[in-house]
């Protein structure tokens, strides 16, 4: 929410989805690369 669209920042992440806070699957801006993964995903993936 704070850094979306700020071209000076790149954010990358992983998170369980669907899960709290039920967001992030659709990136708000090009500088966001947050990758949703299903429950029970393990380290190799």
ModelCIF file with pLDDT and N, C-alpha, C, O atoms, coordinates in Angstrom:
data_MODEL
#
_entry.id   MODEL 
#
_entity.id                         1 
_entity.type                       polymer 
_entity.pdbx_number_of_molecules   1 
#
_entity_poly.entity_id                      1 
_entity_poly.type                           'polypeptide(L)' 
_entity_poly.nstd_linkage                   no 
_entity_poly.nstd_monomer                   no 
_entity_poly.pdbx_seq_one_letter_code       
;(UNK)(UNK)(UNK)(UNK)(UNK)(UNK)(UNK)(UNK)(UNK)(UNK)(UNK)(UNK)(UNK)(UNK)(UNK)(UNK)
(UNK)(UNK)(UNK)(UNK)(UNK)(UNK)(UNK)(UNK)(UNK)(UNK)(UNK)(UNK)(UNK)(UNK)(UNK)(UNK)
(UNK)(UNK)(UNK)(UNK)(UNK)(UNK)(UNK)(UNK)(UNK)(UNK)(UNK)(UNK)(UNK)
;
_entity_poly.pdbx_seq_one_letter_code_can   XXXXXXXXXXXXXXXXXXXXXXXXXXXXXXXXXXXXXXXXXXXXX 
_entity_poly.pdbx_strand_id                 A 
#
loop_
_entity_poly_seq.entity_id 
_entity_poly_seq.num 
_entity_poly_seq.mon_id 
_entity_poly_seq.hetero 
1 1  UNK n 
1 2  UNK n 
1 3  UNK n 
1 4  UNK n 
1 5  UNK n 
1 6  UNK n 
1 7  UNK n 
1 8  UNK n 
1 9  UNK n 
1 10 UNK n 
1 11 UNK n 
1 12 UNK n 
1 13 UNK n 
1 14 UNK n 
1 15 UNK n 
1 16 UNK n 
1 17 UNK n 
1 18 UNK n 
1 19 UNK n 
1 20 UNK n 
1 21 UNK n 
1 22 UNK n 
1 23 UNK n 
1 24 UNK n 
1 25 UNK n 
1 26 UNK n 
1 27 UNK n 
1 28 UNK n 
1 29 UNK n 
1 30 UNK n 
1 31 UNK n 
1 32 UNK n 
1 33 UNK n 
1 34 UNK n 
1 35 UNK n 
1 36 UNK n 
1 37 UNK n 
1 38 UNK n 
1 39 UNK n 
1 40 UNK n 
1 41 UNK n 
1 42 UNK n 
1 43 UNK n 
1 44 UNK n 
1 45 UNK n 
#
_struct_asym.id          A 
_struct_asym.entity_id   1 
#
loop_
_ma_qa_metric.id 
_ma_qa_metric.mode 
_ma_qa_metric.name 
_ma_qa_metric.software_group_id 
_ma_qa_metric.type 
1 global pLDDT . pLDDT 
2 local  pLDDT . pLDDT 
#
_ma_qa_metric_global.metric_id      1 
_ma_qa_metric_global.metric_value   96.18 
_ma_qa_metric_global.model_id       1 
_ma_qa_metric_global.ordinal_id     1 
#
loop_
_ma_qa_metric_local.label_asym_id 
_ma_qa_metric_local.label_comp_id 
_ma_qa_metric_local.label_seq_id 
_ma_qa_metric_local.metric_id 
_ma_qa_metric_local.metric_value 
_ma_qa_metric_local.model_id 
_ma_qa_metric_local.ordinal_id 
A UNK 1  2 97.00 1 1  
A UNK 2  2 98.00 1 2  
A UNK 3  2 98.00 1 3  
A UNK 4  2 97.00 1 4  
A UNK 5  2 97.00 1 5  
A UNK 6  2 98.00 1 6  
A UNK 7  2 97.00 1 7  
A UNK 8  2 98.00 1 8  
A UNK 9  2 98.00 1 9  
A UNK 10 2 98.00 1 10 
A UNK 11 2 98.00 1 11 
A UNK 12 2 98.00 1 12 
A UNK 13 2 98.00 1 13 
A UNK 14 2 98.00 1 14 
A UNK 15 2 98.00 1 15 
A UNK 16 2 98.00 1 16 
A UNK 17 2 98.00 1 17 
A UNK 18 2 97.00 1 18 
A UNK 19 2 97.00 1 19 
A UNK 20 2 97.00 1 20 
A UNK 21 2 97.00 1 21 
A UNK 22 2 96.00 1 22 
A UNK 23 2 96.00 1 23 
A UNK 24 2 94.00 1 24 
A UNK 25 2 94.00 1 25 
A UNK 26 2 90.00 1 26 
A UNK 27 2 78.00 1 27 
A UNK 28 2 75.00 1 28 
A UNK 29 2 95.00 1 29 
A UNK 30 2 96.00 1 30 
A UNK 31 2 98.00 1 31 
A UNK 32 2 98.00 1 32 
A UNK 33 2 97.00 1 33 
A UNK 34 2 94.00 1 34 
A UNK 35 2 97.00 1 35 
A UNK 36 2 98.00 1 36 
A UNK 37 2 98.00 1 37 
A UNK 38 2 98.00 1 38 
A UNK 39 2 98.00 1 39 
A UNK 40 2 98.00 1 40 
A UNK 41 2 98.00 1 41 
A UNK 42 2 98.00 1 42 
A UNK 43 2 98.00 1 43 
A UNK 44 2 98.00 1 44 
A UNK 45 2 98.00 1 45 
#
loop_
_atom_site.group_PDB 
_atom_site.id 
_atom_site.type_symbol 
_atom_site.label_atom_id 
_atom_site.label_alt_id 
_atom_site.label_comp_id 
_atom_site.label_asym_id 
_atom_site.label_entity_id 
_atom_site.label_seq_id 
_atom_site.pdbx_PDB_ins_code 
_atom_site.Cartn_x 
_atom_site.Cartn_y 
_atom_site.Cartn_z 
_atom_site.occupancy 
_atom_site.B_iso_or_equiv 
_atom_site.pdbx_formal_charge 
_atom_site.auth_seq_id 
_atom_site.auth_comp_id 
_atom_site.auth_asym_id 
_atom_site.auth_atom_id 
_atom_site.pdbx_PDB_model_num 
ATOM 1   N N  . UNK A 1 1  ? 0.818  -1.199  0.000   1.00 97.00 ? 1  UNK A N  1 
ATOM 2   C CA . UNK A 1 1  ? 0.000  0.000   0.000   1.00 97.00 ? 1  UNK A CA 1 
ATOM 3   C C  . UNK A 1 1  ? 0.863  1.265   0.000   1.00 97.00 ? 1  UNK A C  1 
ATOM 4   O O  . UNK A 1 1  ? 0.539  2.239   -0.679  1.00 97.00 ? 1  UNK A O  1 
ATOM 5   N N  . UNK A 1 2  ? 1.950  1.249   0.755   1.00 98.00 ? 2  UNK A N  1 
ATOM 6   C CA . UNK A 1 2  ? 2.804  2.425   0.894   1.00 98.00 ? 2  UNK A CA 1 
ATOM 7   C C  . UNK A 1 2  ? 3.733  2.596   -0.305  1.00 98.00 ? 2  UNK A C  1 
ATOM 8   O O  . UNK A 1 2  ? 3.951  3.720   -0.757  1.00 98.00 ? 2  UNK A O  1 
ATOM 9   N N  . UNK A 1 3  ? 4.279  1.512   -0.820  1.00 98.00 ? 3  UNK A N  1 
ATOM 10  C CA . UNK A 1 3  ? 5.348  1.608   -1.814  1.00 98.00 ? 3  UNK A CA 1 
ATOM 11  C C  . UNK A 1 3  ? 4.900  1.313   -3.240  1.00 98.00 ? 3  UNK A C  1 
ATOM 12  O O  . UNK A 1 3  ? 5.674  1.489   -4.181  1.00 98.00 ? 3  UNK A O  1 
ATOM 13  N N  . UNK A 1 4  ? 3.667  0.869   -3.408  1.00 97.00 ? 4  UNK A N  1 
ATOM 14  C CA . UNK A 1 4  ? 3.174  0.560   -4.751  1.00 97.00 ? 4  UNK A CA 1 
ATOM 15  C C  . UNK A 1 4  ? 3.263  1.783   -5.656  1.00 97.00 ? 4  UNK A C  1 
ATOM 16  O O  . UNK A 1 4  ? 2.829  2.876   -5.291  1.00 97.00 ? 4  UNK A O  1 
ATOM 17  N N  . UNK A 1 5  ? 3.830  1.582   -6.833  1.00 97.00 ? 5  UNK A N  1 
ATOM 18  C CA . UNK A 1 5  ? 3.941  2.663   -7.807  1.00 97.00 ? 5  UNK A CA 1 
ATOM 19  C C  . UNK A 1 5  ? 5.171  3.532   -7.662  1.00 97.00 ? 5  UNK A C  1 
ATOM 20  O O  . UNK A 1 5  ? 5.430  4.370   -8.527  1.00 97.00 ? 5  UNK A O  1 
ATOM 21  N N  . UNK A 1 6  ? 5.939  3.361   -6.596  1.00 98.00 ? 6  UNK A N  1 
ATOM 22  C CA . UNK A 1 6  ? 7.179  4.117   -6.407  1.00 98.00 ? 6  UNK A CA 1 
ATOM 23  C C  . UNK A 1 6  ? 8.286  3.404   -7.187  1.00 98.00 ? 6  UNK A C  1 
ATOM 24  O O  . UNK A 1 6  ? 8.766  2.354   -6.759  1.00 98.00 ? 6  UNK A O  1 
ATOM 25  N N  . UNK A 1 7  ? 8.682  3.954   -8.300  1.00 97.00 ? 7  UNK A N  1 
ATOM 26  C CA . UNK A 1 7  ? 9.629  3.284   -9.190  1.00 97.00 ? 7  UNK A CA 1 
ATOM 27  C C  . UNK A 1 7  ? 11.030 3.175   -8.604  1.00 97.00 ? 7  UNK A C  1 
ATOM 28  O O  . UNK A 1 7  ? 11.887 2.491   -9.163  1.00 97.00 ? 7  UNK A O  1 
ATOM 29  N N  . UNK A 1 8  ? 11.264 3.841   -7.487  1.00 98.00 ? 8  UNK A N  1 
ATOM 30  C CA . UNK A 1 8  ? 12.560 3.721   -6.807  1.00 98.00 ? 8  UNK A CA 1 
ATOM 31  C C  . UNK A 1 8  ? 12.646 2.444   -5.971  1.00 98.00 ? 8  UNK A C  1 
ATOM 32  O O  . UNK A 1 8  ? 13.707 2.107   -5.445  1.00 98.00 ? 8  UNK A O  1 
ATOM 33  N N  . UNK A 1 9  ? 11.527 1.742   -5.854  1.00 98.00 ? 9  UNK A N  1 
ATOM 34  C CA . UNK A 1 9  ? 11.437 0.570   -4.983  1.00 98.00 ? 9  UNK A CA 1 
ATOM 35  C C  . UNK A 1 9  ? 10.975 -0.629  -5.792  1.00 98.00 ? 9  UNK A C  1 
ATOM 36  O O  . UNK A 1 9  ? 10.066 -0.521  -6.615  1.00 98.00 ? 9  UNK A O  1 
ATOM 37  N N  . UNK A 1 10 ? 11.607 -1.775  -5.554  1.00 98.00 ? 10 UNK A N  1 
ATOM 38  C CA . UNK A 1 10 ? 11.104 -3.059  -6.038  1.00 98.00 ? 10 UNK A CA 1 
ATOM 39  C C  . UNK A 1 10 ? 10.786 -3.910  -4.821  1.00 98.00 ? 10 UNK A C  1 
ATOM 40  O O  . UNK A 1 10 ? 11.630 -4.086  -3.943  1.00 98.00 ? 10 UNK A O  1 
ATOM 41  N N  . UNK A 1 11 ? 9.569  -4.437  -4.767  1.00 98.00 ? 11 UNK A N  1 
ATOM 42  C CA . UNK A 1 11 ? 9.190  -5.352  -3.695  1.00 98.00 ? 11 UNK A CA 1 
ATOM 43  C C  . UNK A 1 11 ? 8.969  -6.734  -4.268  1.00 98.00 ? 11 UNK A C  1 
ATOM 44  O O  . UNK A 1 11 ? 8.214  -6.899  -5.225  1.00 98.00 ? 11 UNK A O  1 
ATOM 45  N N  . UNK A 1 12 ? 9.626  -7.734  -3.687  1.00 98.00 ? 12 UNK A N  1 
ATOM 46  C CA . UNK A 1 12 ? 9.409  -9.129  -4.068  1.00 98.00 ? 12 UNK A CA 1 
ATOM 47  C C  . UNK A 1 12 ? 9.024  -9.900  -2.816  1.00 98.00 ? 12 UNK A C  1 
ATOM 48  O O  . UNK A 1 12 ? 9.518  -9.605  -1.728  1.00 98.00 ? 12 UNK A O  1 
ATOM 49  N N  . UNK A 1 13 ? 8.146  -10.886 -2.961  1.00 98.00 ? 13 UNK A N  1 
ATOM 50  C CA . UNK A 1 13 ? 7.721  -11.650 -1.798  1.00 98.00 ? 13 UNK A CA 1 
ATOM 51  C C  . UNK A 1 13 ? 7.024  -12.932 -2.188  1.00 98.00 ? 13 UNK A C  1 
ATOM 52  O O  . UNK A 1 13 ? 6.680  -13.159 -3.348  1.00 98.00 ? 13 UNK A O  1 
ATOM 53  N N  . UNK A 1 14 ? 6.828  -13.756 -1.191  1.00 98.00 ? 14 UNK A N  1 
ATOM 54  C CA . UNK A 1 14 ? 5.968  -14.941 -1.301  1.00 98.00 ? 14 UNK A CA 1 
ATOM 55  C C  . UNK A 1 14 ? 4.995  -14.885 -0.142  1.00 98.00 ? 14 UNK A C  1 
ATOM 56  O O  . UNK A 1 14 ? 5.291  -14.292 0.895   1.00 98.00 ? 14 UNK A O  1 
ATOM 57  N N  . UNK A 1 15 ? 3.828  -15.502 -0.312  1.00 98.00 ? 15 UNK A N  1 
ATOM 58  C CA . UNK A 1 15 ? 2.874  -15.569 0.791   1.00 98.00 ? 15 UNK A CA 1 
ATOM 59  C C  . UNK A 1 15 ? 1.854  -16.645 0.481   1.00 98.00 ? 15 UNK A C  1 
ATOM 60  O O  . UNK A 1 15 ? 1.576  -16.937 -0.683  1.00 98.00 ? 15 UNK A O  1 
ATOM 61  N N  . UNK A 1 16 ? 1.295  -17.237 1.533   1.00 98.00 ? 16 UNK A N  1 
ATOM 62  C CA . UNK A 1 16 ? 0.235  -18.230 1.379   1.00 98.00 ? 16 UNK A CA 1 
ATOM 63  C C  . UNK A 1 16 ? -1.037 -17.543 0.904   1.00 98.00 ? 16 UNK A C  1 
ATOM 64  O O  . UNK A 1 16 ? -1.393 -16.468 1.387   1.00 98.00 ? 16 UNK A O  1 
ATOM 65  N N  . UNK A 1 17 ? -1.715 -18.171 -0.044  1.00 98.00 ? 17 UNK A N  1 
ATOM 66  C CA . UNK A 1 17 ? -2.945 -17.584 -0.598  1.00 98.00 ? 17 UNK A CA 1 
ATOM 67  C C  . UNK A 1 17 ? -3.894 -18.708 -1.019  1.00 98.00 ? 17 UNK A C  1 
ATOM 68  O O  . UNK A 1 17 ? -3.441 -19.687 -1.612  1.00 98.00 ? 17 UNK A O  1 
ATOM 69  N N  . UNK A 1 18 ? -5.188 -18.602 -0.734  1.00 97.00 ? 18 UNK A N  1 
ATOM 70  C CA . UNK A 1 18 ? -5.857 -17.502 -0.011  1.00 97.00 ? 18 UNK A CA 1 
ATOM 71  C C  . UNK A 1 18 ? -5.613 -17.602 1.491   1.00 97.00 ? 18 UNK A C  1 
ATOM 72  O O  . UNK A 1 18 ? -5.648 -18.686 2.072   1.00 97.00 ? 18 UNK A O  1 
ATOM 73  N N  . UNK A 1 19 ? -5.368 -16.464 2.096   1.00 97.00 ? 19 UNK A N  1 
ATOM 74  C CA . UNK A 1 19 ? -5.010 -16.401 3.511   1.00 97.00 ? 19 UNK A CA 1 
ATOM 75  C C  . UNK A 1 19 ? -5.031 -14.943 3.917   1.00 97.00 ? 19 UNK A C  1 
ATOM 76  O O  . UNK A 1 19 ? -4.981 -14.059 3.062   1.00 97.00 ? 19 UNK A O  1 
ATOM 77  N N  . UNK A 1 20 ? -5.104 -14.680 5.214   1.00 97.00 ? 20 UNK A N  1 
ATOM 78  C CA . UNK A 1 20 ? -5.061 -13.308 5.710   1.00 97.00 ? 20 UNK A CA 1 
ATOM 79  C C  . UNK A 1 20 ? -3.833 -12.583 5.139   1.00 97.00 ? 20 UNK A C  1 
ATOM 80  O O  . UNK A 1 20 ? -2.745 -13.157 5.119   1.00 97.00 ? 20 UNK A O  1 
ATOM 81  N N  . UNK A 1 21 ? -3.984 -11.344 4.679   1.00 97.00 ? 21 UNK A N  1 
ATOM 82  C CA . UNK A 1 21 ? -5.157 -10.460 4.691   1.00 97.00 ? 21 UNK A CA 1 
ATOM 83  C C  . UNK A 1 21 ? -5.961 -10.503 3.383   1.00 97.00 ? 21 UNK A C  1 
ATOM 84  O O  . UNK A 1 21 ? -6.629 -9.533  3.025   1.00 97.00 ? 21 UNK A O  1 
ATOM 85  N N  . UNK A 1 22 ? -5.886 -11.639 2.676   1.00 96.00 ? 22 UNK A N  1 
ATOM 86  C CA . UNK A 1 22 ? -6.698 -11.871 1.475   1.00 96.00 ? 22 UNK A CA 1 
ATOM 87  C C  . UNK A 1 22 ? -6.436 -10.812 0.400   1.00 96.00 ? 22 UNK A C  1 
ATOM 88  O O  . UNK A 1 22 ? -7.362 -10.241 -0.176  1.00 96.00 ? 22 UNK A O  1 
ATOM 89  N N  . UNK A 1 23 ? -5.168 -10.573 0.154   1.00 96.00 ? 23 UNK A N  1 
ATOM 90  C CA . UNK A 1 23 ? -4.755 -9.587  -0.843  1.00 96.00 ? 23 UNK A CA 1 
ATOM 91  C C  . UNK A 1 23 ? -3.467 -10.062 -1.486  1.00 96.00 ? 23 UNK A C  1 
ATOM 92  O O  . UNK A 1 23 ? -2.884 -11.064 -1.071  1.00 96.00 ? 23 UNK A O  1 
ATOM 93  N N  . UNK A 1 24 ? -3.029 -9.333  -2.505  1.00 94.00 ? 24 UNK A N  1 
ATOM 94  C CA . UNK A 1 24 ? -1.717 -9.562  -3.085  1.00 94.00 ? 24 UNK A CA 1 
ATOM 95  C C  . UNK A 1 24 ? -1.675 -10.421 -4.319  1.00 94.00 ? 24 UNK A C  1 
ATOM 96  O O  . UNK A 1 24 ? -0.671 -10.417 -5.032  1.00 94.00 ? 24 UNK A O  1 
ATOM 97  N N  . UNK A 1 25 ? -2.743 -11.168 -4.600  1.00 94.00 ? 25 UNK A N  1 
ATOM 98  C CA . UNK A 1 25 ? -2.708 -12.036 -5.776  1.00 94.00 ? 25 UNK A CA 1 
ATOM 99  C C  . UNK A 1 25 ? -2.663 -11.236 -7.068  1.00 94.00 ? 25 UNK A C  1 
ATOM 100 O O  . UNK A 1 25 ? -2.095 -11.684 -8.064  1.00 94.00 ? 25 UNK A O  1 
ATOM 101 N N  . UNK A 1 26 ? -3.265 -10.045 -7.049  1.00 90.00 ? 26 UNK A N  1 
ATOM 102 C CA . UNK A 1 26 ? -3.222 -9.157  -8.215  1.00 90.00 ? 26 UNK A CA 1 
ATOM 103 C C  . UNK A 1 26 ? -2.372 -7.950  -7.855  1.00 90.00 ? 26 UNK A C  1 
ATOM 104 O O  . UNK A 1 26 ? -2.780 -7.117  -7.045  1.00 90.00 ? 26 UNK A O  1 
ATOM 105 N N  . UNK A 1 27 ? -1.187 -7.853  -8.456  1.00 78.00 ? 27 UNK A N  1 
ATOM 106 C CA . UNK A 1 27 ? -0.255 -6.773  -8.131  1.00 78.00 ? 27 UNK A CA 1 
ATOM 107 C C  . UNK A 1 27 ? -0.855 -5.423  -8.511  1.00 78.00 ? 27 UNK A C  1 
ATOM 108 O O  . UNK A 1 27 ? -1.461 -5.268  -9.571  1.00 78.00 ? 27 UNK A O  1 
ATOM 109 N N  . UNK A 1 28 ? -0.670 -4.448  -7.617  1.00 75.00 ? 28 UNK A N  1 
ATOM 110 C CA . UNK A 1 28 ? -1.191 -3.114  -7.864  1.00 75.00 ? 28 UNK A CA 1 
ATOM 111 C C  . UNK A 1 28 ? -0.338 -2.324  -8.842  1.00 75.00 ? 28 UNK A C  1 
ATOM 112 O O  . UNK A 1 28 ? -0.835 -1.404  -9.492  1.00 75.00 ? 28 UNK A O  1 
ATOM 113 N N  . UNK A 1 29 ? 0.929  -2.665  -8.955  1.00 95.00 ? 29 UNK A N  1 
ATOM 114 C CA . UNK A 1 29 ? 1.835  -1.858  -9.764  1.00 95.00 ? 29 UNK A CA 1 
ATOM 115 C C  . UNK A 1 29 ? 2.989  -2.720  -10.258 1.00 95.00 ? 29 UNK A C  1 
ATOM 116 O O  . UNK A 1 29 ? 3.212  -3.821  -9.756  1.00 95.00 ? 29 UNK A O  1 
ATOM 117 N N  . UNK A 1 30 ? 3.707  -2.219  -11.229 1.00 96.00 ? 30 UNK A N  1 
ATOM 118 C CA . UNK A 1 30 ? 4.797  -2.972  -11.854 1.00 96.00 ? 30 UNK A CA 1 
ATOM 119 C C  . UNK A 1 30 ? 5.972  -3.194  -10.914 1.00 96.00 ? 30 UNK A C  1 
ATOM 120 O O  . UNK A 1 30 ? 6.781  -4.096  -11.136 1.00 96.00 ? 30 UNK A O  1 
ATOM 121 N N  . UNK A 1 31 ? 6.072  -2.391  -9.880  1.00 98.00 ? 31 UNK A N  1 
ATOM 122 C CA . UNK A 1 31 ? 7.200  -2.565  -8.952  1.00 98.00 ? 31 UNK A CA 1 
ATOM 123 C C  . UNK A 1 31 ? 6.897  -3.575  -7.852  1.00 98.00 ? 31 UNK A C  1 
ATOM 124 O O  . UNK A 1 31 ? 7.661  -3.691  -6.894  1.00 98.00 ? 31 UNK A O  1 
ATOM 125 N N  . UNK A 1 32 ? 5.791  -4.307  -7.975  1.00 98.00 ? 32 UNK A N  1 
ATOM 126 C CA . UNK A 1 32 ? 5.419  -5.323  -7.002  1.00 98.00 ? 32 UNK A CA 1 
ATOM 127 C C  . UNK A 1 32 ? 5.499  -6.713  -7.635  1.00 98.00 ? 32 UNK A C  1 
ATOM 128 O O  . UNK A 1 32 ? 4.837  -6.979  -8.638  1.00 98.00 ? 32 UNK A O  1 
ATOM 129 N N  . UNK A 1 33 ? 6.309  -7.597  -7.051  1.00 97.00 ? 33 UNK A N  1 
ATOM 130 C CA . UNK A 1 33 ? 6.366  -8.998  -7.486  1.00 97.00 ? 33 UNK A CA 1 
ATOM 131 C C  . UNK A 1 33 ? 6.151  -9.868  -6.252  1.00 97.00 ? 33 UNK A C  1 
ATOM 132 O O  . UNK A 1 33 ? 7.095  -10.416 -5.684  1.00 97.00 ? 33 UNK A O  1 
ATOM 133 N N  . UNK A 1 34 ? 4.900  -9.980  -5.857  1.00 94.00 ? 34 UNK A N  1 
ATOM 134 C CA . UNK A 1 34 ? 4.524  -10.778 -4.696  1.00 94.00 ? 34 UNK A CA 1 
ATOM 135 C C  . UNK A 1 34 ? 3.822  -12.033 -5.185  1.00 94.00 ? 34 UNK A C  1 
ATOM 136 O O  . UNK A 1 34 ? 2.769  -11.958 -5.818  1.00 94.00 ? 34 UNK A O  1 
ATOM 137 N N  . UNK A 1 35 ? 4.409  -13.193 -4.889  1.00 97.00 ? 35 UNK A N  1 
ATOM 138 C CA . UNK A 1 35 ? 3.998  -14.451 -5.504  1.00 97.00 ? 35 UNK A CA 1 
ATOM 139 C C  . UNK A 1 35 ? 3.138  -15.257 -4.537  1.00 97.00 ? 35 UNK A C  1 
ATOM 140 O O  . UNK A 1 35 ? 3.647  -15.724 -3.518  1.00 97.00 ? 35 UNK A O  1 
ATOM 141 N N  . UNK A 1 36 ? 1.845  -15.435 -4.826  1.00 98.00 ? 36 UNK A N  1 
ATOM 142 C CA . UNK A 1 36 ? 1.001  -16.265 -3.961  1.00 98.00 ? 36 UNK A CA 1 
ATOM 143 C C  . UNK A 1 36 ? 1.295  -17.743 -4.164  1.00 98.00 ? 36 UNK A C  1 
ATOM 144 O O  . UNK A 1 36 ? 1.521  -18.194 -5.286  1.00 98.00 ? 36 UNK A O  1 
ATOM 145 N N  . UNK A 1 37 ? 1.291  -18.490 -3.069  1.00 98.00 ? 37 UNK A N  1 
ATOM 146 C CA . UNK A 1 37 ? 1.497  -19.936 -3.152  1.00 98.00 ? 37 UNK A CA 1 
ATOM 147 C C  . UNK A 1 37 ? 0.432  -20.626 -2.314  1.00 98.00 ? 37 UNK A C  1 
ATOM 148 O O  . UNK A 1 37 ? -0.037 -20.054 -1.330  1.00 98.00 ? 37 UNK A O  1 
ATOM 149 N N  . UNK A 1 38 ? 0.038  -21.842 -2.680  1.00 98.00 ? 38 UNK A N  1 
ATOM 150 C CA . UNK A 1 38 ? -1.005 -22.532 -1.922  1.00 98.00 ? 38 UNK A CA 1 
ATOM 151 C C  . UNK A 1 38 ? -0.483 -23.076 -0.601  1.00 98.00 ? 38 UNK A C  1 
ATOM 152 O O  . UNK A 1 38 ? 0.722  -23.244 -0.411  1.00 98.00 ? 38 UNK A O  1 
ATOM 153 N N  . UNK A 1 39 ? -1.413 -23.346 0.305   1.00 98.00 ? 39 UNK A N  1 
ATOM 154 C CA . UNK A 1 39 ? -1.061 -23.986 1.570   1.00 98.00 ? 39 UNK A CA 1 
ATOM 155 C C  . UNK A 1 39 ? -0.286 -25.271 1.306   1.00 98.00 ? 39 UNK A C  1 
ATOM 156 O O  . UNK A 1 39 ? -0.500 -25.958 0.308   1.00 98.00 ? 39 UNK A O  1 
ATOM 157 N N  . UNK A 1 40 ? 0.622  -25.574 2.234   1.00 98.00 ? 40 UNK A N  1 
ATOM 158 C CA . UNK A 1 40 ? 1.444  -26.785 2.246   1.00 98.00 ? 40 UNK A CA 1 
ATOM 159 C C  . UNK A 1 40 ? 2.567  -26.764 1.205   1.00 98.00 ? 40 UNK A C  1 
ATOM 160 O O  . UNK A 1 40 ? 3.191  -27.793 0.948   1.00 98.00 ? 40 UNK A O  1 
ATOM 161 N N  . UNK A 1 41 ? 2.826  -25.598 0.606   1.00 98.00 ? 41 UNK A N  1 
ATOM 162 C CA . UNK A 1 41 ? 4.001  -25.460 -0.255  1.00 98.00 ? 41 UNK A CA 1 
ATOM 163 C C  . UNK A 1 41 ? 5.257  -25.595 0.598   1.00 98.00 ? 41 UNK A C  1 
ATOM 164 O O  . UNK A 1 41 ? 5.341  -25.023 1.685   1.00 98.00 ? 41 UNK A O  1 
ATOM 165 N N  . UNK A 1 42 ? 6.230  -26.351 0.104   1.00 98.00 ? 42 UNK A N  1 
ATOM 166 C CA . UNK A 1 42 ? 7.442  -26.607 0.875   1.00 98.00 ? 42 UNK A CA 1 
ATOM 167 C C  . UNK A 1 42 ? 8.641  -25.874 0.284   1.00 98.00 ? 42 UNK A C  1 
ATOM 168 O O  . UNK A 1 42 ? 8.541  -25.183 -0.730  1.00 98.00 ? 42 UNK A O  1 
ATOM 169 N N  . UNK A 1 43 ? 9.759  -26.047 0.944   1.00 98.00 ? 43 UNK A N  1 
ATOM 170 C CA . UNK A 1 43 ? 10.963 -25.316 0.604   1.00 98.00 ? 43 UNK A CA 1 
ATOM 171 C C  . UNK A 1 43 ? 11.417 -25.409 -0.838  1.00 98.00 ? 43 UNK A C  1 
ATOM 172 O O  . UNK A 1 43 ? 11.714 -24.373 -1.433  1.00 98.00 ? 43 UNK A O  1 
ATOM 173 N N  . UNK A 1 44 ? 11.489 -26.599 -1.441  1.00 98.00 ? 44 UNK A N  1 
ATOM 174 C CA . UNK A 1 44 ? 11.982 -26.672 -2.821  1.00 98.00 ? 44 UNK A CA 1 
ATOM 175 C C  . UNK A 1 44 ? 11.185 -25.809 -3.795  1.00 98.00 ? 44 UNK A C  1 
ATOM 176 O O  . UNK A 1 44 ? 11.764 -25.198 -4.693  1.00 98.00 ? 44 UNK A O  1 
ATOM 177 N N  . UNK A 1 45 ? 9.865  -25.752 -3.629  1.00 98.00 ? 45 UNK A N  1 
ATOM 178 C CA . UNK A 1 45 ? 9.056  -24.917 -4.515  1.00 98.00 ? 45 UNK A CA 1 
ATOM 179 C C  . UNK A 1 45 ? 9.321  -23.436 -4.269  1.00 98.00 ? 45 UNK A C  1 
ATOM 180 O O  . UNK A 1 45 ? 8.724  -22.584 -4.928  1.00 98.00 ? 45 UNK A O  1 
#
